[in-house]
Amino acid sequence: MITHRRLVMGAAAGAVAVVVFGAAARGAFSTSPASTAPQTQQTEPEQARGITVSGEGKVQGKPDIAQLALGVSVLRATVAAARDQAAASLTAIDNAMKADGIADRDIQTSDLTISPEYNYSDGKQTLTGFRVTNTATVKVRDINTTSKVVDDAVNAGGDDTQIQGITFTIDKPGDLQRQAREAAVADAKAKAQTLASASGVGLGSAIAISEGGGVQPIVYDKAAFAAAPGATTAATPIQPGELDVTVNVSITWAIT
C-alpha cells in the first residue's frame, strides 16, 4: 500500500504553502482461506511531489490618462423642452472640451435617460416635469490639462452640468507589470526555498505557474466635484497621485 504524508504550512502575508511527499509504491497480494491463487496487484497513484506558494510583486507608477464621467441633467415641463435644453448644454460642453484638445474618438456617450418626475404630497401624485440626463465618458490623454477640461466643461454647461467622477489610469502599463511580475516570482521563490530548507528537501524546477493582478485605478466620485456647477474663478484642484501595479503568482516547484 502507498503511504502519503502531507505537511501544510502558513507562509507570510497570508500565503499558504503546501509541501507534499509521496512514498514509493510497493506491490501487495493476499490469499484467502479458500484459494492460494495470487490476487490482482492493487496500487494507488502517487501524489505529485511539490511545494506550492504564492508571491506578490507591487510597483508604483504615475498615471498618464484621466477618464471623466460628465454630462447634463435637465428638468422641464415637457419632454421636448427638456431634450432641447439638454442637447444645447451638452453641445456646449463638447465644444469646450474639443477646444481643449479632446478628440472625437475620446468622447463616448455612456448613458441617456428620459423620465417623468412626480411630487408626492398629501397622498397625491403630481407630475412636475420630465428629466433628460445625458452622460459621456471622456478620455483626457494630456493629464496635465484635466483641471482646465473640467472647468471649461462646467462653465460651458452651466447649472445643467453634472460630473459623476474621475478615474486615473496608465495607458501602457507593460513595463511596470514586467517589474511587478519579476518581484512576484522572486517573492514566491524565496518562500519556497525557506520551506524546502525547513522540510529537509531540495527545491527543483517550477512545474506550474498561474498569475493574477493588474493596475489598480484611482477613482474619485462626484462628491469631489460637489461645488463644480456654475461659473468658477479658481481652477479645480486635481491630483493624480500614484497607482499601484500589482501581480500575484502561484507557483509549484518540484521537490528533489
C-alpha atoms as a PDB file:
ATOM      1  CA  MET A   1       0.000   0.000   0.000  1.00  0.00           C
ATOM      2  CA  ILE A   2       1.177   3.549  -0.729  1.00  0.00           C
ATOM      3  CA  THR A   3       1.520   5.864   2.227  1.00  0.00           C
ATOM      4  CA  HIS A   4       1.330   9.621   1.962  1.00  0.00           C
ATOM      5  CA  ARG A   5       2.412  12.348   4.344  1.00  0.00           C
ATOM      6  CA  ARG A   6       1.138  15.915   3.803  1.00  0.00           C
ATOM      7  CA  LEU A   7       2.651  18.870   5.592  1.00  0.00           C
ATOM      8  CA  VAL A   8       0.777  22.188   5.348  1.00  0.00           C
ATOM      9  CA  MET A   9       2.478  25.413   6.403  1.00  0.00           C
ATOM     10  CA  GLY A  10       1.259  29.013   6.561  1.00  0.00           C
ATOM     11  CA  ALA A  11       3.631  31.484   4.891  1.00  0.00           C
ATOM     12  CA  ALA A  12       3.917  35.229   5.494  1.00  0.00           C
ATOM     13  CA  ALA A  13       1.305  37.704   4.251  1.00  0.00           C
ATOM     14  CA  GLY A  14      -1.435  35.110   4.304  1.00  0.00           C
ATOM     15  CA  ALA A  15       0.155  32.872   1.665  1.00  0.00           C
ATOM     16  CA  VAL A  16      -0.484  29.182   2.033  1.00  0.00           C
ATOM     17  CA  ALA A  17       2.239  26.747   1.139  1.00  0.00           C
ATOM     18  CA  VAL A  18       1.750  23.031   0.672  1.00  0.00           C
ATOM     19  CA  VAL A  19       4.593  20.519   0.760  1.00  0.00           C
ATOM     20  CA  VAL A  20       3.655  17.025  -0.415  1.00  0.00           C
ATOM     21  CA  PHE A  21       5.847  13.936  -0.043  1.00  0.00           C
ATOM     22  CA  GLY A  22       4.966  10.664  -1.776  1.00  0.00           C
ATOM     23  CA  ALA A  23       6.353   7.357  -0.551  1.00  0.00           C
ATOM     24  CA  ALA A  24       7.454   4.715  -3.092  1.00  0.00           C
ATOM     25  CA  ALA A  25       4.753   2.315  -4.159  1.00  0.00           C
ATOM     26  CA  ARG A  26       5.042  -1.289  -3.024  1.00  0.00           C
ATOM     27  CA  GLY A  27       3.114  -4.157  -4.578  1.00  0.00           C
ATOM     28  CA  ALA A  28       0.832  -6.278  -2.431  1.00  0.00           C
ATOM     29  CA  PHE A  29      -1.060  -9.515  -2.833  1.00  0.00           C
ATOM     30  CA  SER A  30      -3.150 -11.583  -0.484  1.00  0.00           C
ATOM     31  CA  THR A  31      -4.510 -15.099  -0.203  1.00  0.00           C
ATOM     32  CA  SER A  32      -7.842 -16.247   1.129  1.00  0.00           C
ATOM     33  CA  PRO A  33      -8.515 -19.447   3.029  1.00  0.00           C
ATOM     34  CA  ALA A  34     -10.400 -20.834   0.039  1.00  0.00           C
ATOM     35  CA  SER A  35      -7.710 -20.162  -2.535  1.00  0.00           C
ATOM     36  CA  THR A  36      -3.951 -19.713  -2.687  1.00  0.00           C
ATOM     37  CA  ALA A  37      -4.001 -18.027  -6.134  1.00  0.00           C
ATOM     38  CA  PRO A  38      -2.389 -14.608  -6.109  1.00  0.00           C
ATOM     39  CA  GLN A  39      -4.849 -11.691  -6.312  1.00  0.00           C
ATOM     40  CA  THR A  40      -4.578  -8.753  -8.725  1.00  0.00           C
ATOM     41  CA  GLN A  41      -1.937  -6.299  -7.554  1.00  0.00           C
ATOM     42  CA  GLN A  42      -3.520  -3.069  -6.236  1.00  0.00           C
ATOM     43  CA  THR A  43      -1.615   0.208  -6.229  1.00  0.00           C
ATOM     44  CA  GLU A  44      -2.606   3.803  -5.620  1.00  0.00           C
ATOM     45  CA  PRO A  45      -1.333   6.609  -7.836  1.00  0.00           C
ATOM     46  CA  GLU A  46       1.481   8.520  -6.231  1.00  0.00           C
ATOM     47  CA  GLN A  47       0.603  12.136  -5.453  1.00  0.00           C
ATOM     48  CA  ALA A  48       2.696  14.764  -7.187  1.00  0.00           C
ATOM     49  CA  ARG A  49       5.650  15.901  -5.114  1.00  0.00           C
ATOM     50  CA  GLY A  50       5.963  19.665  -4.900  1.00  0.00           C
ATOM     51  CA  ILE A  51       5.896  22.921  -2.954  1.00  0.00           C
ATOM     52  CA  THR A  52       3.179  25.409  -3.889  1.00  0.00           C
ATOM     53  CA  VAL A  53       3.413  29.001  -2.693  1.00  0.00           C
ATOM     54  CA  SER A  54       2.039  32.409  -3.646  1.00  0.00           C
ATOM     55  CA  GLY A  55       4.046  35.561  -4.273  1.00  0.00           C
ATOM     56  CA  GLU A  56       3.217  39.224  -4.782  1.00  0.00           C
ATOM     57  CA  GLY A  57       5.022  41.975  -6.629  1.00  0.00           C
ATOM     58  CA  LYS A  58       3.975  45.618  -6.454  1.00  0.00           C
ATOM     59  CA  VAL A  59       5.419  48.710  -8.120  1.00  0.00           C
ATOM     60  CA  GLN A  60       4.166  52.278  -8.311  1.00  0.00           C
ATOM     61  CA  GLY A  61       3.713  54.416 -11.392  1.00  0.00           C
ATOM     62  CA  LYS A  62       2.333  57.819 -12.295  1.00  0.00           C
ATOM     63  CA  PRO A  63      -0.972  57.789 -14.197  1.00  0.00           C
ATOM     64  CA  ASP A  64      -0.967  59.385 -17.627  1.00  0.00           C
ATOM     65  CA  ILE A  65      -4.671  59.132 -18.515  1.00  0.00           C
ATOM     66  CA  ALA A  66      -7.709  60.734 -16.856  1.00  0.00           C
ATOM     67  CA  GLN A  67     -11.217  59.497 -17.606  1.00  0.00           C
ATOM     68  CA  LEU A  68     -14.137  61.793 -16.787  1.00  0.00           C
ATOM     69  CA  ALA A  69     -17.787  60.846 -16.447  1.00  0.00           C
ATOM     70  CA  LEU A  70     -19.727  64.050 -17.094  1.00  0.00           C
ATOM     71  CA  GLY A  71     -22.867  65.311 -18.748  1.00  0.00           C
ATOM     72  CA  VAL A  72     -26.078  67.236 -18.186  1.00  0.00           C
ATOM     73  CA  SER A  73     -29.340  66.773 -16.315  1.00  0.00           C
ATOM     74  CA  VAL A  74     -32.316  68.961 -17.249  1.00  0.00           C
ATOM     75  CA  LEU A  75     -35.868  69.132 -15.841  1.00  0.00           C
ATOM     76  CA  ARG A  76     -38.570  70.854 -17.907  1.00  0.00           C
ATOM     77  CA  ALA A  77     -42.341  70.778 -18.190  1.00  0.00           C
ATOM     78  CA  THR A  78     -42.276  68.743 -21.418  1.00  0.00           C
ATOM     79  CA  VAL A  79     -40.027  66.103 -22.894  1.00  0.00           C
ATOM     80  CA  ALA A  80     -39.305  68.277 -25.917  1.00  0.00           C
ATOM     81  CA  ALA A  81     -38.233  71.253 -23.798  1.00  0.00           C
ATOM     82  CA  ALA A  82     -36.012  69.073 -21.586  1.00  0.00           C
ATOM     83  CA  ARG A  83     -34.421  67.346 -24.564  1.00  0.00           C
ATOM     84  CA  ASP A  84     -33.732  70.620 -26.371  1.00  0.00           C
ATOM     85  CA  GLN A  85     -32.086  72.196 -23.336  1.00  0.00           C
ATOM     86  CA  ALA A  86     -30.028  69.084 -22.589  1.00  0.00           C
ATOM     87  CA  ALA A  87     -28.845  68.923 -26.189  1.00  0.00           C
ATOM     88  CA  ALA A  88     -27.839  72.593 -26.172  1.00  0.00           C
ATOM     89  CA  SER A  89     -25.937  72.302 -22.874  1.00  0.00           C
ATOM     90  CA  LEU A  90     -24.135  69.103 -23.835  1.00  0.00           C
ATOM     91  CA  THR A  91     -23.187  70.516 -27.230  1.00  0.00           C
ATOM     92  CA  ALA A  92     -21.634  73.498 -25.465  1.00  0.00           C
ATOM     93  CA  ILE A  93     -19.696  71.143 -23.181  1.00  0.00           C
ATOM     94  CA  ASP A  94     -18.484  69.066 -26.144  1.00  0.00           C
ATOM     95  CA  ASN A  95     -17.296  72.187 -27.969  1.00  0.00           C
ATOM     96  CA  ALA A  96     -15.418  73.391 -24.898  1.00  0.00           C
ATOM     97  CA  MET A  97     -13.663  70.030 -24.473  1.00  0.00           C
ATOM     98  CA  LYS A  98     -12.704  69.866 -28.141  1.00  0.00           C
ATOM     99  CA  ALA A  99     -11.252  73.365 -27.849  1.00  0.00           C
ATOM    100  CA  ASP A 100      -9.090  71.944 -25.027  1.00  0.00           C
ATOM    101  CA  GLY A 101      -7.730  69.246 -27.325  1.00  0.00           C
ATOM    102  CA  ILE A 102     -10.126  66.353 -26.641  1.00  0.00           C
ATOM    103  CA  ALA A 103     -10.617  64.307 -29.822  1.00  0.00           C
ATOM    104  CA  ASP A 104     -13.981  62.986 -31.038  1.00  0.00           C
ATOM    105  CA  ARG A 105     -12.772  59.410 -30.525  1.00  0.00           C
ATOM    106  CA  ASP A 106     -12.219  60.140 -26.830  1.00  0.00           C
ATOM    107  CA  ILE A 107     -15.824  61.226 -26.159  1.00  0.00           C
ATOM    108  CA  GLN A 108     -18.354  58.407 -25.845  1.00  0.00           C
ATOM    109  CA  THR A 109     -21.977  58.578 -24.707  1.00  0.00           C
ATOM    110  CA  SER A 110     -22.398  56.236 -21.738  1.00  0.00           C
ATOM    111  CA  ASP A 111     -25.949  56.967 -20.548  1.00  0.00           C
ATOM    112  CA  LEU A 112     -29.091  58.653 -21.908  1.00  0.00           C
ATOM    113  CA  THR A 113     -32.375  58.648 -19.976  1.00  0.00           C
ATOM    114  CA  ILE A 114     -35.716  60.454 -20.265  1.00  0.00           C
ATOM    115  CA  SER A 115     -38.159  60.002 -17.397  1.00  0.00           C
ATOM    116  CA  PRO A 116     -41.091  61.765 -15.722  1.00  0.00           C
ATOM    117  CA  GLU A 117     -40.725  63.203 -12.239  1.00  0.00           C
ATOM    118  CA  TYR A 118     -43.506  63.464  -9.686  1.00  0.00           C
ATOM    119  CA  ASN A 119     -44.182  65.334  -6.487  1.00  0.00           C
ATOM    120  CA  TYR A 120     -45.917  63.363  -3.755  1.00  0.00           C
ATOM    121  CA  SER A 121     -47.924  65.408  -1.262  1.00  0.00           C
ATOM    122  CA  ASP A 122     -50.998  64.617   0.845  1.00  0.00           C
ATOM    123  CA  GLY A 123     -51.217  61.226  -0.781  1.00  0.00           C
ATOM    124  CA  LYS A 124     -51.416  62.716  -4.240  1.00  0.00           C
ATOM    125  CA  GLN A 125     -49.053  62.275  -7.177  1.00  0.00           C
ATOM    126  CA  THR A 126     -48.455  65.376  -9.260  1.00  0.00           C
ATOM    127  CA  LEU A 127     -46.357  65.466 -12.415  1.00  0.00           C
ATOM    128  CA  THR A 128     -43.628  68.088 -12.047  1.00  0.00           C
ATOM    129  CA  GLY A 129     -41.952  67.591 -15.406  1.00  0.00           C
ATOM    130  CA  PHE A 130     -39.613  65.419 -17.425  1.00  0.00           C
ATOM    131  CA  ARG A 131     -35.908  64.917 -16.811  1.00  0.00           C
ATOM    132  CA  VAL A 132     -33.368  64.263 -19.517  1.00  0.00           C
ATOM    133  CA  THR A 133     -29.951  63.020 -18.442  1.00  0.00           C
ATOM    134  CA  ASN A 134     -27.120  62.569 -20.943  1.00  0.00           C
ATOM    135  CA  THR A 135     -23.719  61.393 -19.704  1.00  0.00           C
ATOM    136  CA  ALA A 136     -20.468  60.830 -21.596  1.00  0.00           C
ATOM    137  CA  THR A 137     -17.156  59.184 -20.785  1.00  0.00           C
ATOM    138  CA  VAL A 138     -14.244  61.415 -21.753  1.00  0.00           C
ATOM    139  CA  LYS A 139     -10.608  60.360 -22.013  1.00  0.00           C
ATOM    140  CA  VAL A 140      -8.086  63.114 -21.283  1.00  0.00           C
ATOM    141  CA  ARG A 141      -4.780  61.987 -22.771  1.00  0.00           C
ATOM    142  CA  ASP A 142      -2.831  65.052 -21.641  1.00  0.00           C
ATOM    143  CA  ILE A 143      -3.350  64.529 -17.920  1.00  0.00           C
ATOM    144  CA  ASN A 144      -1.902  67.953 -17.086  1.00  0.00           C
ATOM    145  CA  THR A 145      -4.925  69.602 -18.749  1.00  0.00           C
ATOM    146  CA  THR A 146      -7.513  67.708 -16.683  1.00  0.00           C
ATOM    147  CA  SER A 147      -8.321  70.639 -14.400  1.00  0.00           C
ATOM    148  CA  LYS A 148      -8.826  73.002 -17.358  1.00  0.00           C
ATOM    149  CA  VAL A 149     -11.001  70.486 -19.198  1.00  0.00           C
ATOM    150  CA  VAL A 150     -13.229  70.126 -16.134  1.00  0.00           C
ATOM    151  CA  ASP A 151     -13.540  73.862 -15.503  1.00  0.00           C
ATOM    152  CA  ASP A 152     -14.220  74.727 -19.139  1.00  0.00           C
ATOM    153  CA  ALA A 153     -16.858  72.000 -19.381  1.00  0.00           C
ATOM    154  CA  VAL A 154     -18.582  73.246 -16.216  1.00  0.00           C
ATOM    155  CA  ASN A 155     -18.575  76.838 -17.429  1.00  0.00           C
ATOM    156  CA  ALA A 156     -19.973  75.799 -20.812  1.00  0.00           C
ATOM    157  CA  GLY A 157     -22.757  73.613 -19.413  1.00  0.00           C
ATOM    158  CA  GLY A 158     -23.688  75.931 -16.546  1.00  0.00           C
ATOM    159  CA  ASP A 159     -26.159  74.710 -13.953  1.00  0.00           C
ATOM    160  CA  ASP A 160     -27.171  71.773 -16.140  1.00  0.00           C
ATOM    161  CA  THR A 161     -23.708  70.213 -15.761  1.00  0.00           C
ATOM    162  CA  GLN A 162     -23.139  67.005 -13.825  1.00  0.00           C
ATOM    163  CA  ILE A 163     -19.763  65.427 -13.108  1.00  0.00           C
ATOM    164  CA  GLN A 164     -20.130  61.841 -11.924  1.00  0.00           C
ATOM    165  CA  GLY A 165     -16.486  61.081 -11.239  1.00  0.00           C
ATOM    166  CA  ILE A 166     -12.922  60.822 -12.467  1.00  0.00           C
ATOM    167  CA  THR A 167     -10.583  57.848 -12.865  1.00  0.00           C
ATOM    168  CA  PHE A 168      -6.809  57.880 -13.316  1.00  0.00           C
ATOM    169  CA  THR A 169      -5.027  55.044 -15.046  1.00  0.00           C
ATOM    170  CA  ILE A 170      -1.889  54.158 -17.017  1.00  0.00           C
ATOM    171  CA  ASP A 171      -2.251  53.848 -20.770  1.00  0.00           C
ATOM    172  CA  LYS A 172       0.610  51.370 -21.327  1.00  0.00           C
ATOM    173  CA  PRO A 173       1.482  49.589 -18.070  1.00  0.00           C
ATOM    174  CA  GLY A 174       3.570  46.839 -19.724  1.00  0.00           C
ATOM    175  CA  ASP A 175       6.963  47.830 -18.262  1.00  0.00           C
ATOM    176  CA  LEU A 176       5.531  48.246 -14.752  1.00  0.00           C
ATOM    177  CA  GLN A 177       3.742  44.911 -14.993  1.00  0.00           C
ATOM    178  CA  ARG A 178       7.001  43.223 -16.007  1.00  0.00           C
ATOM    179  CA  GLN A 179       8.751  44.669 -12.947  1.00  0.00           C
ATOM    180  CA  ALA A 180       5.889  43.579 -10.684  1.00  0.00           C
ATOM    181  CA  ARG A 181       5.892  40.102 -12.237  1.00  0.00           C
ATOM    182  CA  GLU A 182       9.622  39.657 -11.605  1.00  0.00           C
ATOM    183  CA  ALA A 183       9.172  40.778  -8.000  1.00  0.00           C
ATOM    184  CA  ALA A 184       6.254  38.367  -7.507  1.00  0.00           C
ATOM    185  CA  VAL A 185       8.248  35.389  -8.784  1.00  0.00           C
ATOM    186  CA  ALA A 186      11.230  36.324  -6.583  1.00  0.00           C
ATOM    187  CA  ASP A 187       8.905  36.587  -3.573  1.00  0.00           C
ATOM    188  CA  ALA A 188       7.392  33.163  -4.268  1.00  0.00           C
ATOM    189  CA  LYS A 189      10.801  31.530  -4.810  1.00  0.00           C
ATOM    190  CA  ALA A 190      12.163  32.909  -1.537  1.00  0.00           C
ATOM    191  CA  LYS A 191       9.214  31.405   0.332  1.00  0.00           C
ATOM    192  CA  ALA A 192       9.629  28.063  -1.439  1.00  0.00           C
ATOM    193  CA  GLN A 193      13.350  27.935  -0.617  1.00  0.00           C
ATOM    194  CA  THR A 194      12.607  28.599   3.047  1.00  0.00           C
ATOM    195  CA  LEU A 195      10.022  25.816   3.147  1.00  0.00           C
ATOM    196  CA  ALA A 196      12.289  23.360   1.342  1.00  0.00           C
ATOM    197  CA  SER A 197      15.158  24.061   3.717  1.00  0.00           C
ATOM    198  CA  ALA A 198      12.952  23.737   6.797  1.00  0.00           C
ATOM    199  CA  SER A 199      11.490  20.476   5.458  1.00  0.00           C
ATOM    200  CA  GLY A 200      14.849  18.927   4.616  1.00  0.00           C
ATOM    201  CA  VAL A 201      14.238  18.620   0.887  1.00  0.00           C
ATOM    202  CA  GLY A 202      15.720  20.157  -2.236  1.00  0.00           C
ATOM    203  CA  LEU A 203      13.960  22.668  -4.453  1.00  0.00           C
ATOM    204  CA  GLY A 204      13.684  21.700  -8.107  1.00  0.00           C
ATOM    205  CA  SER A 205      12.297  23.490 -11.144  1.00  0.00           C
ATOM    206  CA  ALA A 206       8.974  25.305 -11.324  1.00  0.00           C
ATOM    207  CA  ILE A 207       6.376  22.941 -12.766  1.00  0.00           C
ATOM    208  CA  ALA A 208       3.200  25.080 -12.635  1.00  0.00           C
ATOM    209  CA  ILE A 209       2.640  28.861 -12.616  1.00  0.00           C
ATOM    210  CA  SER A 210      -0.534  30.975 -12.528  1.00  0.00           C
ATOM    211  CA  GLU A 211      -0.826  34.753 -12.435  1.00  0.00           C
ATOM    212  CA  GLY A 212      -3.331  37.446 -11.467  1.00  0.00           C
ATOM    213  CA  GLY A 213      -3.410  41.174 -10.696  1.00  0.00           C
ATOM    214  CA  GLY A 214      -3.134  44.376 -12.704  1.00  0.00           C
ATOM    215  CA  VAL A 215      -3.311  48.163 -12.473  1.00  0.00           C
ATOM    216  CA  GLN A 216      -5.459  49.490  -9.641  1.00  0.00           C
ATOM    217  CA  PRO A 217      -7.027  52.736 -10.943  1.00  0.00           C
ATOM    218  CA  ILE A 218      -7.640  55.739  -8.706  1.00  0.00           C
ATOM    219  CA  VAL A 219     -11.327  56.631  -8.679  1.00  0.00           C
ATOM    220  CA  TYR A 220     -12.917  59.828  -7.376  1.00  0.00           C
ATOM    221  CA  ASP A 221     -16.706  60.011  -7.262  1.00  0.00           C
ATOM    222  CA  LYS A 222     -18.939  63.018  -7.852  1.00  0.00           C
ATOM    223  CA  ALA A 223     -18.602  64.175  -4.218  1.00  0.00           C
ATOM    224  CA  ALA A 224     -15.186  65.531  -5.180  1.00  0.00           C
ATOM    225  CA  PHE A 225     -16.934  67.898  -7.590  1.00  0.00           C
ATOM    226  CA  ALA A 226     -19.918  68.856  -5.439  1.00  0.00           C
ATOM    227  CA  ALA A 227     -19.224  72.559  -5.903  1.00  0.00           C
ATOM    228  CA  ALA A 228     -18.328  72.314  -9.584  1.00  0.00           C
ATOM    229  CA  PRO A 229     -21.528  73.534 -11.339  1.00  0.00           C
ATOM    230  CA  GLY A 230     -21.703  77.236 -12.057  1.00  0.00           C
ATOM    231  CA  ALA A 231     -19.104  79.801 -13.002  1.00  0.00           C
ATOM    232  CA  THR A 232     -15.701  79.251 -11.447  1.00  0.00           C
ATOM    233  CA  THR A 233     -12.943  81.723 -10.741  1.00  0.00           C
ATOM    234  CA  ALA A 234     -10.338  79.327  -9.312  1.00  0.00           C
ATOM    235  CA  ALA A 235      -9.059  76.202 -11.043  1.00  0.00           C
ATOM    236  CA  THR A 236     -10.458  72.924  -9.743  1.00  0.00           C
ATOM    237  CA  PRO A 237      -7.592  71.168  -7.903  1.00  0.00           C
ATOM    238  CA  ILE A 238      -6.983  67.673  -9.299  1.00  0.00           C
ATOM    239  CA  GLN A 239      -4.135  65.467  -8.083  1.00  0.00           C
ATOM    240  CA  PRO A 240      -3.457  62.205  -9.991  1.00  0.00           C
ATOM    241  CA  GLY A 241      -1.188  60.720  -7.315  1.00  0.00           C
ATOM    242  CA  GLU A 242       0.391  57.311  -7.990  1.00  0.00           C
ATOM    243  CA  LEU A 243      -1.034  53.954  -8.995  1.00  0.00           C
ATOM    244  CA  ASP A 244      -0.147  50.504  -7.694  1.00  0.00           C
ATOM    245  CA  VAL A 245       0.608  47.896 -10.344  1.00  0.00           C
ATOM    246  CA  THR A 246       0.282  44.502  -8.659  1.00  0.00           C
ATOM    247  CA  VAL A 247       0.971  40.981  -9.900  1.00  0.00           C
ATOM    248  CA  ASN A 248       0.164  37.846  -7.883  1.00  0.00           C
ATOM    249  CA  VAL A 249       1.535  34.439  -8.786  1.00  0.00           C
ATOM    250  CA  SER A 250       1.039  30.906  -7.555  1.00  0.00           C
ATOM    251  CA  ILE A 251       3.973  28.604  -8.350  1.00  0.00           C
ATOM    252  CA  THR A 252       4.584  24.928  -7.739  1.00  0.00           C
ATOM    253  CA  TRP A 253       8.209  23.745  -7.508  1.00  0.00           C
ATOM    254  CA  ALA A 254       9.281  20.138  -7.754  1.00  0.00           C
ATOM    255  CA  ILE A 255      10.948  18.528  -4.747  1.00  0.00           C
ATOM    256  CA  THR A 256      14.346  16.912  -5.311  1.00  0.00           C
END
